[in-house]
């Protein structure tokens, strides 16, 4: 799976014919969490739209680091939000990074 994004939105490509997309202007909340996954942990970001649609991406997808590096150009995120996500405890509370 691949994460792709630009100034207008986010896409997760599952294969050549199937992908999920979300427009940045529709995003009302961004949160993150971790889970235990063999052989360690998996980190997720959840993008929620006003209509209830969600799109989740994980650190196991290609494009993850590029997305983390570019999100502050799209949303007003607090300084150190990436460290806060990295420090989250697996199975703990979701961490909210953005709300509209």
N, C-alpha and C. Protein backbone atom coordinates (compact mmCIF):
# COMPACT_ATOMS: atom_id res chain seq x y z
N UNK A 1 0.84 -1.18 0.00
CA UNK A 1 0.00 0.00 0.00
C UNK A 1 0.88 1.24 0.00
N UNK A 2 0.43 2.24 -0.70
CA UNK A 2 1.19 3.47 -0.84
C UNK A 2 0.35 4.66 -0.39
N UNK A 3 1.00 5.59 0.29
CA UNK A 3 0.39 6.86 0.66
C UNK A 3 0.83 7.89 -0.38
N UNK A 4 -0.13 8.60 -0.93
CA UNK A 4 0.17 9.70 -1.85
C UNK A 4 -0.61 10.91 -1.38
N UNK A 5 0.02 12.08 -1.47
CA UNK A 5 -0.68 13.31 -1.09
C UNK A 5 -0.12 14.48 -1.88
N UNK A 6 -0.93 15.52 -1.96
CA UNK A 6 -0.51 16.78 -2.55
C UNK A 6 -1.24 17.89 -1.83
N UNK A 7 -1.24 19.09 -2.39
CA UNK A 7 -1.86 20.23 -1.71
C UNK A 7 -3.38 20.11 -1.60
N UNK A 8 -4.00 19.20 -2.35
CA UNK A 8 -5.46 19.10 -2.32
C UNK A 8 -5.99 17.92 -1.52
N UNK A 9 -5.19 16.87 -1.32
CA UNK A 9 -5.74 15.73 -0.58
C UNK A 9 -4.78 14.58 -0.40
N UNK A 10 -5.34 13.51 0.16
CA UNK A 10 -4.62 12.31 0.54
C UNK A 10 -5.22 11.12 -0.20
N UNK A 11 -4.37 10.21 -0.62
CA UNK A 11 -4.83 8.98 -1.27
C UNK A 11 -4.04 7.80 -0.73
N UNK A 12 -4.73 6.70 -0.52
CA UNK A 12 -4.08 5.44 -0.17
C UNK A 12 -4.35 4.49 -1.33
N UNK A 13 -3.29 4.05 -1.97
CA UNK A 13 -3.39 3.15 -3.12
C UNK A 13 -3.20 1.73 -2.65
N UNK A 14 -4.24 0.92 -2.83
CA UNK A 14 -4.18 -0.49 -2.42
C UNK A 14 -3.66 -1.37 -3.54
N UNK A 15 -4.05 -1.07 -4.75
CA UNK A 15 -3.49 -1.71 -5.93
C UNK A 15 -3.78 -0.78 -7.10
N UNK A 16 -3.60 -1.25 -8.31
CA UNK A 16 -3.73 -0.37 -9.47
C UNK A 16 -5.13 0.20 -9.64
N UNK A 17 -6.16 -0.52 -9.21
CA UNK A 17 -7.52 -0.09 -9.48
C UNK A 17 -8.29 0.37 -8.25
N UNK A 18 -7.75 0.19 -7.05
CA UNK A 18 -8.50 0.53 -5.85
C UNK A 18 -7.70 1.52 -5.02
N UNK A 19 -8.33 2.66 -4.71
CA UNK A 19 -7.69 3.60 -3.81
C UNK A 19 -8.76 4.37 -3.06
N UNK A 20 -8.39 4.83 -1.86
CA UNK A 20 -9.25 5.68 -1.05
C UNK A 20 -8.66 7.08 -1.08
N UNK A 21 -9.53 8.08 -1.19
CA UNK A 21 -9.05 9.45 -1.23
C UNK A 21 -9.85 10.31 -0.25
N UNK A 22 -9.23 11.39 0.17
CA UNK A 22 -9.87 12.33 1.07
C UNK A 22 -9.31 13.71 0.77
N UNK A 23 -10.20 14.67 0.58
CA UNK A 23 -9.79 16.04 0.32
C UNK A 23 -9.40 16.71 1.64
N UNK A 24 -8.30 17.45 1.63
CA UNK A 24 -7.86 18.12 2.87
C UNK A 24 -8.92 19.05 3.42
N UNK A 25 -9.66 19.72 2.54
CA UNK A 25 -10.67 20.68 3.01
C UNK A 25 -11.81 19.99 3.76
N UNK A 26 -11.97 18.69 3.58
CA UNK A 26 -13.01 17.93 4.28
C UNK A 26 -12.55 17.41 5.65
N UNK A 27 -11.25 17.47 5.93
CA UNK A 27 -10.71 16.92 7.17
C UNK A 27 -11.09 17.82 8.35
N UNK A 28 -11.72 17.21 9.37
CA UNK A 28 -12.11 17.95 10.57
C UNK A 28 -11.31 17.51 11.80
N UNK A 29 -10.60 16.40 11.68
CA UNK A 29 -9.82 15.90 12.82
C UNK A 29 -8.71 14.98 12.32
N UNK A 30 -7.56 15.12 12.96
CA UNK A 30 -6.45 14.20 12.72
C UNK A 30 -6.03 13.66 14.08
N UNK A 31 -6.00 12.35 14.20
CA UNK A 31 -5.57 11.72 15.45
C UNK A 31 -4.59 10.61 15.12
N UNK A 32 -3.93 10.14 16.16
CA UNK A 32 -2.96 9.06 15.97
C UNK A 32 -3.02 8.08 17.12
N UNK A 33 -2.56 6.87 16.86
CA UNK A 33 -2.51 5.84 17.89
C UNK A 33 -1.51 4.77 17.49
N UNK A 34 -1.17 3.94 18.46
CA UNK A 34 -0.27 2.80 18.22
C UNK A 34 -0.94 1.52 18.69
N UNK A 35 -0.56 0.43 18.05
CA UNK A 35 -1.00 -0.90 18.46
C UNK A 35 0.21 -1.82 18.48
N UNK A 36 0.11 -2.88 19.26
CA UNK A 36 1.14 -3.91 19.21
C UNK A 36 0.94 -4.72 17.94
N UNK A 37 2.02 -4.91 17.21
CA UNK A 37 1.98 -5.71 15.99
C UNK A 37 3.32 -6.41 15.86
N UNK A 38 3.28 -7.66 15.46
CA UNK A 38 4.52 -8.41 15.31
C UNK A 38 5.39 -7.75 14.27
N UNK A 39 6.63 -7.48 14.51
CA UNK A 39 7.43 -7.82 15.67
C UNK A 39 7.57 -6.69 16.68
N UNK A 40 6.71 -5.69 16.66
CA UNK A 40 6.83 -4.58 17.61
C UNK A 40 5.55 -3.78 17.70
N UNK A 41 5.58 -2.59 17.13
CA UNK A 41 4.43 -1.69 17.18
C UNK A 41 4.13 -1.15 15.79
N UNK A 42 2.88 -0.75 15.59
CA UNK A 42 2.48 -0.06 14.37
C UNK A 42 1.84 1.26 14.77
N UNK A 43 2.19 2.31 14.05
CA UNK A 43 1.68 3.65 14.33
C UNK A 43 0.73 4.05 13.23
N UNK A 44 -0.39 4.66 13.61
CA UNK A 44 -1.43 5.05 12.66
C UNK A 44 -1.77 6.53 12.80
N UNK A 45 -2.13 7.16 11.70
CA UNK A 45 -2.78 8.46 11.69
C UNK A 45 -4.17 8.26 11.09
N UNK A 46 -5.16 8.90 11.70
CA UNK A 46 -6.54 8.80 11.24
C UNK A 46 -7.01 10.18 10.83
N UNK A 47 -7.47 10.29 9.59
CA UNK A 47 -8.01 11.54 9.07
C UNK A 47 -9.52 11.39 9.00
N UNK A 48 -10.23 12.25 9.72
CA UNK A 48 -11.69 12.17 9.78
C UNK A 48 -12.31 13.35 9.03
N UNK A 49 -13.33 13.04 8.22
CA UNK A 49 -14.05 14.06 7.46
C UNK A 49 -15.35 14.40 8.16
N UNK A 50 -15.92 15.54 7.79
CA UNK A 50 -17.16 16.01 8.40
C UNK A 50 -18.30 15.01 8.21
N UNK A 51 -18.30 14.27 7.11
CA UNK A 51 -19.38 13.32 6.83
C UNK A 51 -19.20 11.98 7.56
N UNK A 52 -18.15 11.88 8.40
CA UNK A 52 -17.91 10.65 9.16
C UNK A 52 -16.93 9.70 8.51
N UNK A 53 -16.58 9.96 7.26
CA UNK A 53 -15.61 9.10 6.57
C UNK A 53 -14.25 9.23 7.25
N UNK A 54 -13.53 8.12 7.33
CA UNK A 54 -12.17 8.15 7.87
C UNK A 54 -11.22 7.48 6.89
N UNK A 55 -9.99 7.93 6.94
CA UNK A 55 -8.93 7.33 6.15
C UNK A 55 -7.74 7.15 7.09
N UNK A 56 -7.27 5.91 7.23
CA UNK A 56 -6.16 5.61 8.11
C UNK A 56 -4.93 5.25 7.30
N UNK A 57 -3.80 5.73 7.79
CA UNK A 57 -2.51 5.38 7.20
C UNK A 57 -1.60 4.90 8.32
N UNK A 58 -0.63 4.07 7.98
CA UNK A 58 0.28 3.55 9.02
C UNK A 58 1.73 3.70 8.59
N UNK A 59 2.60 3.54 9.59
CA UNK A 59 4.03 3.66 9.35
C UNK A 59 4.58 2.49 8.55
N UNK A 60 3.75 1.52 8.25
CA UNK A 60 4.18 0.39 7.43
C UNK A 60 3.91 0.61 5.94
N UNK A 61 3.31 1.76 5.61
CA UNK A 61 3.01 2.09 4.22
C UNK A 61 4.12 2.97 3.64
N UNK A 62 4.41 2.76 2.36
CA UNK A 62 5.38 3.63 1.72
C UNK A 62 4.76 5.03 1.60
N UNK A 63 5.58 6.04 1.79
CA UNK A 63 5.11 7.43 1.76
C UNK A 63 4.83 7.99 3.15
N UNK A 64 4.95 7.15 4.21
CA UNK A 64 4.67 7.59 5.58
C UNK A 64 5.56 8.76 6.00
N UNK A 65 6.86 8.62 5.82
CA UNK A 65 7.77 9.67 6.26
C UNK A 65 7.56 10.97 5.49
N UNK A 66 7.25 10.86 4.21
CA UNK A 66 6.98 12.05 3.42
C UNK A 66 5.72 12.76 3.90
N UNK A 67 4.70 11.96 4.26
CA UNK A 67 3.46 12.54 4.78
C UNK A 67 3.73 13.26 6.10
N UNK A 68 4.46 12.60 7.02
CA UNK A 68 4.77 13.24 8.30
C UNK A 68 5.52 14.54 8.09
N UNK A 69 6.44 14.54 7.15
CA UNK A 69 7.23 15.74 6.88
C UNK A 69 6.46 16.85 6.22
N UNK A 70 5.35 16.53 5.55
CA UNK A 70 4.60 17.53 4.81
C UNK A 70 3.32 18.03 5.46
N UNK A 71 2.83 17.32 6.48
CA UNK A 71 1.53 17.70 7.08
C UNK A 71 1.51 19.09 7.68
N UNK A 72 2.64 19.53 8.25
CA UNK A 72 2.67 20.86 8.87
C UNK A 72 2.51 21.97 7.83
N UNK A 73 2.73 21.67 6.54
CA UNK A 73 2.51 22.64 5.48
C UNK A 73 1.04 22.75 5.10
N UNK A 74 0.23 21.77 5.51
CA UNK A 74 -1.18 21.71 5.14
C UNK A 74 -2.08 22.08 6.31
N UNK A 75 -1.71 21.62 7.52
CA UNK A 75 -2.51 21.87 8.72
C UNK A 75 -1.67 22.58 9.77
N UNK A 76 -2.34 23.33 10.63
CA UNK A 76 -1.65 23.96 11.76
C UNK A 76 -1.51 22.92 12.86
N UNK A 77 -0.36 22.31 12.91
CA UNK A 77 -0.07 21.29 13.92
C UNK A 77 0.90 21.88 14.94
N UNK A 78 0.75 21.47 16.18
CA UNK A 78 1.61 22.01 17.23
C UNK A 78 3.04 21.54 17.04
N UNK A 79 4.00 22.38 17.41
CA UNK A 79 5.40 21.95 17.35
C UNK A 79 5.58 20.68 18.19
N UNK A 80 6.33 19.76 17.68
CA UNK A 80 6.59 18.52 18.42
C UNK A 80 5.51 17.46 18.28
N UNK A 81 4.56 17.65 17.37
CA UNK A 81 3.47 16.67 17.24
C UNK A 81 4.01 15.31 16.81
N UNK A 82 5.06 15.30 16.00
CA UNK A 82 5.62 14.01 15.56
C UNK A 82 6.21 13.22 16.73
N UNK A 83 6.86 13.93 17.66
CA UNK A 83 7.40 13.28 18.84
C UNK A 83 6.28 12.75 19.73
N UNK A 84 5.20 13.53 19.82
CA UNK A 84 4.05 13.10 20.61
C UNK A 84 3.47 11.80 20.05
N UNK A 85 3.40 11.71 18.72
CA UNK A 85 2.92 10.48 18.08
C UNK A 85 3.90 9.34 18.34
N UNK A 86 5.17 9.62 18.23
CA UNK A 86 6.19 8.59 18.45
C UNK A 86 6.18 8.08 19.89
N UNK A 87 5.87 8.97 20.83
CA UNK A 87 5.87 8.60 22.25
C UNK A 87 4.56 7.95 22.72
N UNK A 88 3.55 7.89 21.85
CA UNK A 88 2.26 7.30 22.25
C UNK A 88 2.47 5.84 22.67
N UNK A 89 1.69 5.44 23.66
CA UNK A 89 1.77 4.06 24.15
C UNK A 89 0.84 3.15 23.36
N UNK A 90 1.32 1.99 22.91
CA UNK A 90 0.44 1.05 22.22
C UNK A 90 -0.74 0.68 23.10
N UNK A 91 -1.92 0.72 22.53
CA UNK A 91 -3.13 0.39 23.27
C UNK A 91 -3.63 1.53 24.13
N UNK A 92 -2.94 2.66 24.11
CA UNK A 92 -3.34 3.81 24.91
C UNK A 92 -4.38 4.67 24.19
N UNK A 93 -4.62 5.83 24.77
CA UNK A 93 -5.59 6.77 24.20
C UNK A 93 -5.10 7.32 22.86
N UNK A 94 -6.06 7.63 21.98
CA UNK A 94 -5.71 8.32 20.74
C UNK A 94 -5.20 9.71 21.08
N UNK A 95 -4.25 10.19 20.30
CA UNK A 95 -3.71 11.53 20.47
C UNK A 95 -4.29 12.39 19.35
N UNK A 96 -4.89 13.51 19.71
CA UNK A 96 -5.51 14.40 18.72
C UNK A 96 -4.51 15.49 18.35
N UNK A 97 -4.28 15.64 17.04
CA UNK A 97 -3.32 16.62 16.55
C UNK A 97 -3.98 17.82 15.88
N UNK A 98 -5.19 17.65 15.38
CA UNK A 98 -5.87 18.73 14.67
C UNK A 98 -7.37 18.56 14.79
N UNK A 99 -8.07 19.65 15.06
CA UNK A 99 -9.53 19.66 14.99
C UNK A 99 -9.96 20.95 14.32
N UNK A 100 -11.01 20.87 13.55
CA UNK A 100 -11.55 22.04 12.84
C UNK A 100 -12.82 22.47 13.52
